[in-house]
Amino acid sequence: MWKHKLGEGSLFTSKYKLTILIYAEEYDNIGDAIAMEKQLKNWHKQWKWNLVKQNNPKLEDWYFTLKGW
């Protein structure tokens, strides 16, 4: 995540200047996380926005919260 903030992340993140983490989920099992990621890829854009706004209505950057800062 820090590399994204520095603009050194993937080409997609660098191109679109994606530096704010507005949503994340934690899983105990990597298989569950991958399954959810695949499921989300099939969702409509509005469904994804509703999920984000339900959990982070102010669209605050969660980076420092998740890092425990």
C-alpha atoms as a PDB file:
ATOM      1  CA  MET A   1       0.000   0.000   0.000  1.00  0.00           C
ATOM      2  CA  TRP A   2       2.845   2.403   0.793  1.00  0.00           C
ATOM      3  CA  LYS A   3       4.190   1.983  -2.756  1.00  0.00           C
ATOM      4  CA  HIS A   4       0.785   3.044  -4.085  1.00  0.00           C
ATOM      5  CA  LYS A   5       0.940   6.191  -1.940  1.00  0.00           C
ATOM      6  CA  LEU A   6       4.359   6.947  -3.429  1.00  0.00           C
ATOM      7  CA  GLY A   7       3.072   6.379  -6.962  1.00  0.00           C
ATOM      8  CA  GLU A   8       5.208   3.253  -7.319  1.00  0.00           C
ATOM      9  CA  GLY A   9       2.402   0.679  -7.304  1.00  0.00           C
ATOM     10  CA  SER A  10       1.086  -1.175 -10.318  1.00  0.00           C
ATOM     11  CA  LEU A  11       0.759   0.571 -13.665  1.00  0.00           C
ATOM     12  CA  PHE A  12      -2.995   0.890 -13.118  1.00  0.00           C
ATOM     13  CA  THR A  13      -2.546   2.596  -9.736  1.00  0.00           C
ATOM     14  CA  SER A  14       0.189   4.868 -11.043  1.00  0.00           C
ATOM     15  CA  LYS A  15      -1.800   5.858 -14.119  1.00  0.00           C
ATOM     16  CA  TYR A  16      -4.977   6.718 -12.213  1.00  0.00           C
ATOM     17  CA  LYS A  17      -3.262   8.094  -9.067  1.00  0.00           C
ATOM     18  CA  LEU A  18      -5.023   5.644  -6.740  1.00  0.00           C
ATOM     19  CA  THR A  19      -3.520   6.439  -3.353  1.00  0.00           C
ATOM     20  CA  ILE A  20      -6.451   6.315  -0.920  1.00  0.00           C
ATOM     21  CA  LEU A  21      -7.706   3.090   0.649  1.00  0.00           C
ATOM     22  CA  ILE A  22     -11.462   3.471   1.124  1.00  0.00           C
ATOM     23  CA  TYR A  23     -12.431  -0.173   1.645  1.00  0.00           C
ATOM     24  CA  ALA A  24     -10.824  -3.397   2.795  1.00  0.00           C
ATOM     25  CA  GLU A  25     -11.860  -6.724   4.250  1.00  0.00           C
ATOM     26  CA  GLU A  26      -9.825  -9.048   6.441  1.00  0.00           C
ATOM     27  CA  TYR A  27      -9.939 -12.827   6.064  1.00  0.00           C
ATOM     28  CA  ASP A  28      -8.317 -15.619   8.036  1.00  0.00           C
ATOM     29  CA  ASN A  29      -8.159 -17.821   4.949  1.00  0.00           C
ATOM     30  CA  ILE A  30      -6.600 -16.712   1.645  1.00  0.00           C
ATOM     31  CA  GLY A  31      -9.044 -18.922  -0.260  1.00  0.00           C
ATOM     32  CA  ASP A  32     -11.993 -17.009   1.209  1.00  0.00           C
ATOM     33  CA  ALA A  33     -10.371 -13.690   0.287  1.00  0.00           C
ATOM     34  CA  ILE A  34      -9.780 -14.775  -3.309  1.00  0.00           C
ATOM     35  CA  ALA A  35     -13.345 -16.092  -3.590  1.00  0.00           C
ATOM     36  CA  MET A  36     -14.749 -12.760  -2.391  1.00  0.00           C
ATOM     37  CA  GLU A  37     -12.503 -10.817  -4.776  1.00  0.00           C
ATOM     38  CA  LYS A  38     -13.772 -12.920  -7.695  1.00  0.00           C
ATOM     39  CA  GLN A  39     -17.353 -12.401  -6.553  1.00  0.00           C
ATOM     40  CA  LEU A  40     -16.881  -8.617  -6.343  1.00  0.00           C
ATOM     41  CA  LYS A  41     -15.496  -8.514  -9.888  1.00  0.00           C
ATOM     42  CA  ASN A  42     -18.909  -9.699 -11.101  1.00  0.00           C
ATOM     43  CA  TRP A  43     -20.832  -7.040  -9.185  1.00  0.00           C
ATOM     44  CA  HIS A  44     -22.237  -3.926 -10.826  1.00  0.00           C
ATOM     45  CA  LYS A  45     -20.421  -0.685 -10.091  1.00  0.00           C
ATOM     46  CA  GLN A  46     -23.329   0.655  -8.013  1.00  0.00           C
ATOM     47  CA  TRP A  47     -23.350  -2.460  -5.814  1.00  0.00           C
ATOM     48  CA  LYS A  48     -19.641  -1.945  -5.101  1.00  0.00           C
ATOM     49  CA  TRP A  49     -20.206   1.726  -4.268  1.00  0.00           C
ATOM     50  CA  ASN A  50     -23.043   0.783  -1.915  1.00  0.00           C
ATOM     51  CA  LEU A  51     -20.744  -1.659  -0.118  1.00  0.00           C
ATOM     52  CA  VAL A  52     -18.050   1.003   0.276  1.00  0.00           C
ATOM     53  CA  LYS A  53     -20.451   3.748   1.392  1.00  0.00           C
ATOM     54  CA  GLN A  54     -22.128   1.436   3.890  1.00  0.00           C
ATOM     55  CA  ASN A  55     -18.787   0.800   5.613  1.00  0.00           C
ATOM     56  CA  ASN A  56     -17.039   4.120   4.967  1.00  0.00           C
ATOM     57  CA  PRO A  57     -19.677   6.823   4.286  1.00  0.00           C
ATOM     58  CA  LYS A  58     -17.155   9.692   4.462  1.00  0.00           C
ATOM     59  CA  LEU A  59     -14.737   7.885   2.094  1.00  0.00           C
ATOM     60  CA  GLU A  60     -11.928   8.367   4.580  1.00  0.00           C
ATOM     61  CA  ASP A  61      -8.473   6.920   3.926  1.00  0.00           C
ATOM     62  CA  TRP A  62      -8.228   3.710   5.953  1.00  0.00           C
ATOM     63  CA  TYR A  63      -4.514   3.199   5.327  1.00  0.00           C
ATOM     64  CA  PHE A  64      -3.297   4.527   8.660  1.00  0.00           C
ATOM     65  CA  THR A  65      -6.194   2.909  10.542  1.00  0.00           C
ATOM     66  CA  LEU A  66      -5.387  -0.527   9.174  1.00  0.00           C
ATOM     67  CA  LYS A  67      -1.683  -0.110   9.800  1.00  0.00           C
ATOM     68  CA  GLY A  68      -2.442   0.665  13.439  1.00  0.00           C
ATOM     69  CA  TRP A  69      -1.007   4.207  13.322  1.00  0.00           C
END
